[in-house]
């Protein structure tokens, strides 16, 4: 039922890209070489660990190494979360885990495709326009 090989998956959010390597191990999760427990923002740390918390005891059978670049802290956390969840599903090859992740939050398995709108003329951003005075 379990795969002993190495699984490589990726996750994206805005301009952040995360690559996760999932292999048989003892439950260690590292992000850019540091354990996930050392992530500076507790809210984002909990978000990254969501797939592992949903999996419970079965998460201790694999090591996950994530390399993430680009974007900001939140984008990197979301990209890492997606890469970890995809790696878990592919490593365990269990449809019930995939269904559990989909019911909990679809973005665990699907990249967030939203991007920033391009800037338009006559304004400082995508939607903002310069005010016009009639008097």
N, C-alpha and C. Protein backbone atom coordinates (compact mmCIF):
# COMPACT_ATOMS: atom_id res chain seq x y z
N UNK A 1 0.82 -1.19 0.00
CA UNK A 1 0.00 0.00 0.00
C UNK A 1 0.87 1.26 0.00
N UNK A 2 2.00 1.22 0.72
CA UNK A 2 2.86 2.39 0.80
C UNK A 2 3.99 2.31 -0.22
N UNK A 3 4.39 3.47 -0.67
CA UNK A 3 5.47 3.58 -1.63
C UNK A 3 6.77 3.87 -0.88
N UNK A 4 7.83 3.20 -1.22
CA UNK A 4 9.11 3.43 -0.54
C UNK A 4 9.99 4.40 -1.31
N UNK A 5 9.56 4.84 -2.49
CA UNK A 5 10.35 5.74 -3.31
C UNK A 5 10.24 7.19 -2.86
N UNK A 6 10.79 8.07 -3.67
CA UNK A 6 10.77 9.50 -3.40
C UNK A 6 9.73 10.15 -4.30
N UNK A 7 8.91 11.00 -3.70
CA UNK A 7 7.87 11.71 -4.44
C UNK A 7 8.21 13.20 -4.44
N UNK A 8 8.18 13.83 -5.63
CA UNK A 8 8.45 15.26 -5.75
C UNK A 8 7.17 15.94 -6.22
N UNK A 9 6.69 16.92 -5.45
CA UNK A 9 5.48 17.65 -5.81
C UNK A 9 5.75 19.15 -5.68
N UNK A 10 4.84 19.95 -6.24
CA UNK A 10 5.01 21.40 -6.16
C UNK A 10 3.69 22.06 -5.82
N UNK A 11 3.79 23.26 -5.27
CA UNK A 11 2.63 24.07 -4.95
C UNK A 11 2.93 25.51 -5.30
N UNK A 12 1.89 26.25 -5.70
CA UNK A 12 2.08 27.65 -6.08
C UNK A 12 1.01 28.51 -5.42
N UNK A 13 1.40 29.74 -5.11
CA UNK A 13 0.48 30.76 -4.62
C UNK A 13 1.08 32.10 -4.97
N UNK A 14 0.35 32.89 -5.77
CA UNK A 14 0.86 34.16 -6.29
C UNK A 14 2.21 33.92 -6.95
N UNK A 15 3.29 34.52 -6.45
CA UNK A 15 4.60 34.30 -7.09
C UNK A 15 5.47 33.33 -6.30
N UNK A 16 4.93 32.72 -5.25
CA UNK A 16 5.69 31.75 -4.46
C UNK A 16 5.57 30.36 -5.06
N UNK A 17 6.69 29.66 -5.13
CA UNK A 17 6.71 28.29 -5.65
C UNK A 17 7.41 27.41 -4.62
N UNK A 18 6.73 26.31 -4.23
CA UNK A 18 7.29 25.37 -3.26
C UNK A 18 7.46 24.01 -3.92
N UNK A 19 8.60 23.37 -3.66
CA UNK A 19 8.85 22.01 -4.14
C UNK A 19 9.05 21.12 -2.92
N UNK A 20 8.24 20.07 -2.82
CA UNK A 20 8.31 19.16 -1.66
C UNK A 20 8.82 17.80 -2.09
N UNK A 21 9.76 17.27 -1.32
CA UNK A 21 10.28 15.93 -1.54
C UNK A 21 9.79 15.07 -0.37
N UNK A 22 8.99 14.07 -0.70
CA UNK A 22 8.40 13.19 0.32
C UNK A 22 9.05 11.83 0.20
N UNK A 23 9.57 11.34 1.32
CA UNK A 23 10.18 10.01 1.33
C UNK A 23 9.91 9.34 2.67
N UNK A 24 10.15 8.05 2.70
CA UNK A 24 9.93 7.27 3.93
C UNK A 24 10.83 7.81 5.03
N UNK A 25 10.29 7.93 6.25
CA UNK A 25 11.09 8.46 7.34
C UNK A 25 10.37 8.39 8.67
N UNK A 26 10.67 9.39 9.52
CA UNK A 26 10.14 9.37 10.87
C UNK A 26 9.31 10.60 11.22
N UNK A 27 8.79 11.31 10.24
CA UNK A 27 7.88 12.42 10.50
C UNK A 27 8.50 13.79 10.55
N UNK A 28 9.72 13.96 10.05
CA UNK A 28 10.36 15.27 10.05
C UNK A 28 9.87 16.09 8.86
N UNK A 29 9.57 17.37 9.11
CA UNK A 29 9.16 18.30 8.05
C UNK A 29 10.09 19.50 8.13
N UNK A 30 10.81 19.77 7.04
CA UNK A 30 11.71 20.92 7.00
C UNK A 30 11.31 21.84 5.86
N UNK A 31 11.48 23.14 6.11
CA UNK A 31 11.23 24.15 5.08
C UNK A 31 12.51 24.95 4.91
N UNK A 32 13.07 24.90 3.72
CA UNK A 32 14.35 25.54 3.40
C UNK A 32 15.44 25.15 4.40
N UNK A 33 15.44 23.89 4.82
CA UNK A 33 16.48 23.37 5.69
C UNK A 33 16.21 23.50 7.18
N UNK A 34 15.14 24.20 7.59
CA UNK A 34 14.82 24.38 9.00
C UNK A 34 13.54 23.61 9.34
N UNK A 35 13.46 23.03 10.53
CA UNK A 35 12.22 22.35 10.92
C UNK A 35 11.04 23.33 10.91
N UNK A 36 9.87 22.83 10.56
CA UNK A 36 8.69 23.68 10.43
C UNK A 36 8.33 24.33 11.77
N UNK A 37 8.75 23.73 12.87
CA UNK A 37 8.48 24.29 14.20
C UNK A 37 9.18 25.63 14.41
N UNK A 38 10.22 25.92 13.61
CA UNK A 38 10.96 27.17 13.74
C UNK A 38 10.41 28.28 12.86
N UNK A 39 9.30 28.03 12.16
CA UNK A 39 8.72 29.07 11.29
C UNK A 39 8.35 30.27 12.16
N UNK A 40 8.68 31.51 11.72
CA UNK A 40 8.53 32.68 12.59
C UNK A 40 7.09 33.05 12.95
N UNK A 41 6.12 32.77 12.10
CA UNK A 41 4.73 33.20 12.35
C UNK A 41 3.90 31.99 12.74
N UNK A 42 3.34 32.02 13.95
CA UNK A 42 2.61 30.86 14.47
C UNK A 42 1.38 30.52 13.62
N UNK A 43 0.64 31.53 13.18
CA UNK A 43 -0.55 31.30 12.36
C UNK A 43 -0.20 30.57 11.06
N UNK A 44 0.88 31.02 10.42
CA UNK A 44 1.31 30.39 9.17
C UNK A 44 1.90 29.00 9.44
N UNK A 45 2.57 28.83 10.57
CA UNK A 45 3.11 27.53 10.95
C UNK A 45 1.97 26.51 11.09
N UNK A 46 0.89 26.93 11.73
CA UNK A 46 -0.27 26.05 11.88
C UNK A 46 -0.90 25.74 10.53
N UNK A 47 -0.90 26.73 9.65
CA UNK A 47 -1.46 26.52 8.31
C UNK A 47 -0.64 25.51 7.51
N UNK A 48 0.68 25.60 7.62
CA UNK A 48 1.56 24.66 6.93
C UNK A 48 1.36 23.25 7.46
N UNK A 49 1.13 23.11 8.76
CA UNK A 49 1.02 21.81 9.40
C UNK A 49 -0.38 21.19 9.28
N UNK A 50 -1.35 21.90 8.68
CA UNK A 50 -2.72 21.38 8.57
C UNK A 50 -2.79 20.00 7.93
N UNK A 51 -2.14 19.76 6.78
CA UNK A 51 -2.24 18.41 6.18
C UNK A 51 -1.71 17.33 7.12
N UNK A 52 -0.66 17.65 7.86
CA UNK A 52 -0.09 16.67 8.79
C UNK A 52 -1.03 16.42 9.97
N UNK A 53 -1.67 17.48 10.46
CA UNK A 53 -2.61 17.34 11.57
C UNK A 53 -3.83 16.53 11.15
N UNK A 54 -4.30 16.75 9.92
CA UNK A 54 -5.46 15.98 9.42
C UNK A 54 -5.11 14.50 9.28
N UNK A 55 -3.89 14.23 8.91
CA UNK A 55 -3.45 12.85 8.70
C UNK A 55 -3.27 12.10 10.01
N UNK A 56 -2.89 12.82 11.06
CA UNK A 56 -2.74 12.21 12.37
C UNK A 56 -1.49 11.36 12.49
N UNK A 57 -1.63 10.15 13.01
CA UNK A 57 -0.51 9.26 13.29
C UNK A 57 0.22 8.79 12.04
N UNK A 58 -0.48 8.74 10.91
CA UNK A 58 0.14 8.25 9.67
C UNK A 58 1.22 9.21 9.15
N UNK A 59 1.23 10.45 9.63
CA UNK A 59 2.21 11.43 9.18
C UNK A 59 3.62 11.12 9.68
N UNK A 60 3.74 10.25 10.68
CA UNK A 60 5.05 9.94 11.24
C UNK A 60 5.82 8.92 10.40
N UNK A 61 5.21 8.44 9.31
CA UNK A 61 5.88 7.43 8.48
C UNK A 61 6.66 8.04 7.32
N UNK A 62 6.70 9.38 7.23
CA UNK A 62 7.37 10.01 6.08
C UNK A 62 8.10 11.28 6.51
N UNK A 63 9.16 11.59 5.78
CA UNK A 63 9.89 12.85 5.93
C UNK A 63 9.55 13.72 4.73
N UNK A 64 9.33 15.02 5.00
CA UNK A 64 9.00 15.95 3.93
C UNK A 64 9.99 17.11 3.98
N UNK A 65 10.64 17.34 2.85
CA UNK A 65 11.60 18.43 2.73
C UNK A 65 11.08 19.42 1.70
N UNK A 66 10.83 20.66 2.12
CA UNK A 66 10.23 21.67 1.24
C UNK A 66 11.25 22.75 0.96
N UNK A 67 11.38 23.12 -0.31
CA UNK A 67 12.18 24.27 -0.71
C UNK A 67 11.23 25.26 -1.36
N UNK A 68 11.15 26.46 -0.80
CA UNK A 68 10.20 27.45 -1.28
C UNK A 68 10.92 28.75 -1.58
N UNK A 69 10.50 29.42 -2.66
CA UNK A 69 11.11 30.69 -3.04
C UNK A 69 10.06 31.59 -3.65
N UNK A 70 10.36 32.89 -3.67
CA UNK A 70 9.46 33.86 -4.27
C UNK A 70 8.34 34.25 -3.34
N UNK A 71 7.68 35.36 -3.65
CA UNK A 71 6.52 35.79 -2.88
C UNK A 71 6.86 36.24 -1.48
N UNK A 72 5.81 36.36 -0.65
CA UNK A 72 5.98 36.76 0.74
C UNK A 72 5.75 35.59 1.68
N UNK A 73 5.68 35.88 2.96
CA UNK A 73 5.53 34.82 3.96
C UNK A 73 4.24 34.02 3.78
N UNK A 74 3.12 34.72 3.58
CA UNK A 74 1.83 34.03 3.46
C UNK A 74 1.76 33.22 2.18
N UNK A 75 2.23 33.78 1.08
CA UNK A 75 2.24 33.05 -0.18
C UNK A 75 3.11 31.81 -0.11
N UNK A 76 4.27 31.93 0.55
CA UNK A 76 5.15 30.79 0.71
C UNK A 76 4.52 29.72 1.59
N UNK A 77 3.80 30.14 2.63
CA UNK A 77 3.14 29.18 3.52
C UNK A 77 2.05 28.42 2.77
N UNK A 78 1.26 29.12 1.98
CA UNK A 78 0.19 28.47 1.21
C UNK A 78 0.77 27.53 0.16
N UNK A 79 1.84 27.94 -0.50
CA UNK A 79 2.47 27.09 -1.51
C UNK A 79 3.06 25.83 -0.85
N UNK A 80 3.69 26.00 0.30
CA UNK A 80 4.26 24.86 1.03
C UNK A 80 3.17 23.89 1.46
N UNK A 81 2.08 24.42 1.94
CA UNK A 81 0.94 23.61 2.38
C UNK A 81 0.40 22.75 1.25
N UNK A 82 0.25 23.35 0.07
CA UNK A 82 -0.24 22.61 -1.09
C UNK A 82 0.75 21.53 -1.51
N UNK A 83 2.04 21.87 -1.54
CA UNK A 83 3.06 20.89 -1.94
C UNK A 83 3.11 19.72 -0.96
N UNK A 84 3.00 20.00 0.34
CA UNK A 84 3.01 18.95 1.35
C UNK A 84 1.81 18.03 1.19
N UNK A 85 0.63 18.62 1.03
CA UNK A 85 -0.59 17.81 0.89
C UNK A 85 -0.55 16.93 -0.35
N UNK A 86 -0.09 17.49 -1.47
CA UNK A 86 0.03 16.70 -2.70
C UNK A 86 1.01 15.55 -2.52
N UNK A 87 2.13 15.83 -1.85
CA UNK A 87 3.13 14.80 -1.60
C UNK A 87 2.59 13.68 -0.73
N UNK A 88 1.81 14.02 0.29
CA UNK A 88 1.22 13.01 1.17
C UNK A 88 0.28 12.10 0.40
N UNK A 89 -0.60 12.72 -0.40
CA UNK A 89 -1.58 11.93 -1.17
C UNK A 89 -0.88 10.99 -2.14
N UNK A 90 0.16 11.50 -2.81
CA UNK A 90 0.87 10.67 -3.79
C UNK A 90 1.70 9.58 -3.11
N UNK A 91 2.26 9.90 -1.95
CA UNK A 91 3.09 8.93 -1.22
C UNK A 91 2.25 7.78 -0.68
N UNK A 92 1.10 8.11 -0.06
CA UNK A 92 0.26 7.08 0.55
C UNK A 92 -0.61 6.33 -0.47
N UNK A 93 -0.88 6.96 -1.61
CA UNK A 93 -1.75 6.36 -2.64
C UNK A 93 -3.06 5.86 -2.04
N UNK A 94 -3.69 6.74 -1.24
CA UNK A 94 -4.93 6.39 -0.55
C UNK A 94 -6.00 7.40 -0.93
N UNK A 95 -7.08 6.92 -1.57
CA UNK A 95 -8.15 7.82 -2.00
C UNK A 95 -8.88 8.45 -0.83
N UNK A 96 -8.93 7.78 0.31
CA UNK A 96 -9.64 8.34 1.47
C UNK A 96 -8.92 9.59 2.00
N UNK A 97 -7.58 9.61 1.91
CA UNK A 97 -6.82 10.79 2.34
C UNK A 97 -7.10 11.96 1.41
N UNK A 98 -7.12 11.68 0.10
CA UNK A 98 -7.41 12.73 -0.87
C UNK A 98 -8.81 13.30 -0.66
N UNK A 99 -9.77 12.44 -0.40
CA UNK A 99 -11.15 12.88 -0.16
C UNK A 99 -11.22 13.70 1.13
N UNK A 100 -10.49 13.29 2.17
CA UNK A 100 -10.46 14.04 3.43
C UNK A 100 -9.92 15.45 3.20
N UNK A 101 -8.83 15.56 2.44
CA UNK A 101 -8.25 16.87 2.15
C UNK A 101 -9.20 17.73 1.33
N UNK A 102 -9.87 17.14 0.35
CA UNK A 102 -10.81 17.90 -0.48
C UNK A 102 -11.99 18.42 0.33
N UNK A 103 -12.49 17.61 1.25
CA UNK A 103 -13.62 18.04 2.06
C UNK A 103 -13.22 19.13 3.05
N UNK A 104 -12.00 19.02 3.57
CA UNK A 104 -11.53 20.02 4.54
C UNK A 104 -11.29 21.36 3.86
N UNK A 105 -10.49 21.36 2.80
CA UNK A 105 -10.18 22.59 2.07
C UNK A 105 -9.60 22.22 0.71
N UNK A 106 -10.27 22.65 -0.34
CA UNK A 106 -9.87 22.27 -1.70
C UNK A 106 -8.48 22.80 -2.05
N UNK A 107 -8.10 23.94 -1.47
CA UNK A 107 -6.80 24.53 -1.82
C UNK A 107 -5.63 23.72 -1.27
N UNK A 108 -5.90 22.68 -0.46
CA UNK A 108 -4.82 21.79 -0.05
C UNK A 108 -4.24 21.06 -1.25
N UNK A 109 -5.09 20.74 -2.23
CA UNK A 109 -4.64 19.95 -3.38
C UNK A 109 -4.62 20.73 -4.69
N UNK A 110 -5.23 21.91 -4.70
CA UNK A 110 -5.32 22.69 -5.94
C UNK A 110 -4.64 24.03 -5.72
N UNK A 111 -3.74 24.40 -6.64
CA UNK A 111 -3.06 25.68 -6.54
C UNK A 111 -4.05 26.82 -6.66
N UNK A 112 -3.78 27.92 -5.95
CA UNK A 112 -4.61 29.12 -6.02
C UNK A 112 -4.18 29.91 -7.26
N UNK A 113 -5.07 30.03 -8.24
CA UNK A 113 -4.69 30.64 -9.51
C UNK A 113 -4.86 32.15 -9.53
N UNK A 114 -5.35 32.74 -8.44
CA UNK A 114 -5.57 34.19 -8.45
C UNK A 114 -4.24 34.92 -8.55
N UNK A 115 -4.20 35.93 -9.39
CA UNK A 115 -3.01 36.76 -9.57
C UNK A 115 -3.41 38.22 -9.47
N UNK A 116 -2.42 39.08 -9.32
CA UNK A 116 -2.67 40.50 -9.25
C UNK A 116 -3.03 41.02 -10.65
N UNK A 117 -4.04 41.91 -10.71
CA UNK A 117 -4.44 42.50 -11.99
C UNK A 117 -3.35 43.46 -12.48
N UNK A 118 -3.19 43.59 -13.78
CA UNK A 118 -2.21 44.55 -14.28
C UNK A 118 -2.68 45.99 -14.08
N UNK A 119 -1.72 46.89 -13.92
CA UNK A 119 -2.03 48.30 -13.76
C UNK A 119 -2.61 48.88 -15.04
N UNK A 120 -3.59 49.76 -14.88
CA UNK A 120 -4.24 50.43 -16.02
C UNK A 120 -3.79 51.90 -16.09
N UNK A 121 -3.95 52.53 -17.24
CA UNK A 121 -3.60 53.95 -17.34
C UNK A 121 -4.52 54.82 -16.48
N UNK A 122 -4.10 56.04 -16.20
CA UNK A 122 -4.88 57.03 -15.44
C UNK A 122 -5.13 56.61 -14.01
N UNK A 123 -4.19 55.91 -13.42
CA UNK A 123 -4.36 55.52 -12.03
C UNK A 123 -3.08 54.97 -11.45
N UNK A 124 -3.12 54.75 -10.13
CA UNK A 124 -1.93 54.26 -9.46
C UNK A 124 -1.89 52.74 -9.36
N UNK A 125 -2.98 52.07 -9.73
CA UNK A 125 -3.03 50.62 -9.64
C UNK A 125 -4.01 50.04 -10.63
N UNK A 126 -4.47 48.83 -10.36
CA UNK A 126 -5.36 48.14 -11.28
C UNK A 126 -6.75 48.77 -11.32
N UNK A 127 -7.26 49.21 -10.18
CA UNK A 127 -8.61 49.77 -10.11
C UNK A 127 -8.65 51.25 -9.76
N UNK A 128 -7.67 51.73 -9.02
CA UNK A 128 -7.68 53.13 -8.56
C UNK A 128 -7.53 54.08 -9.73
N UNK A 129 -8.31 55.14 -9.71
CA UNK A 129 -8.23 56.17 -10.76
C UNK A 129 -7.95 57.52 -10.11
N UNK A 130 -7.34 58.44 -10.88
CA UNK A 130 -7.13 59.79 -10.40
C UNK A 130 -8.47 60.51 -10.32
N UNK A 131 -8.64 61.28 -9.25
CA UNK A 131 -9.90 62.01 -9.10
C UNK A 131 -9.96 63.15 -10.12
N UNK A 132 -11.18 63.41 -10.57
CA UNK A 132 -11.36 64.50 -11.52
C UNK A 132 -12.22 65.57 -10.87
N UNK A 133 -11.76 66.81 -10.96
CA UNK A 133 -12.50 67.91 -10.37
C UNK A 133 -13.29 68.64 -11.46
N UNK A 134 -14.55 68.84 -11.23
CA UNK A 134 -15.39 69.56 -12.20
C UNK A 134 -15.51 71.04 -11.87
N UNK A 135 -15.05 71.47 -10.71
CA UNK A 135 -15.13 72.90 -10.34
C UNK A 135 -13.77 73.43 -9.98
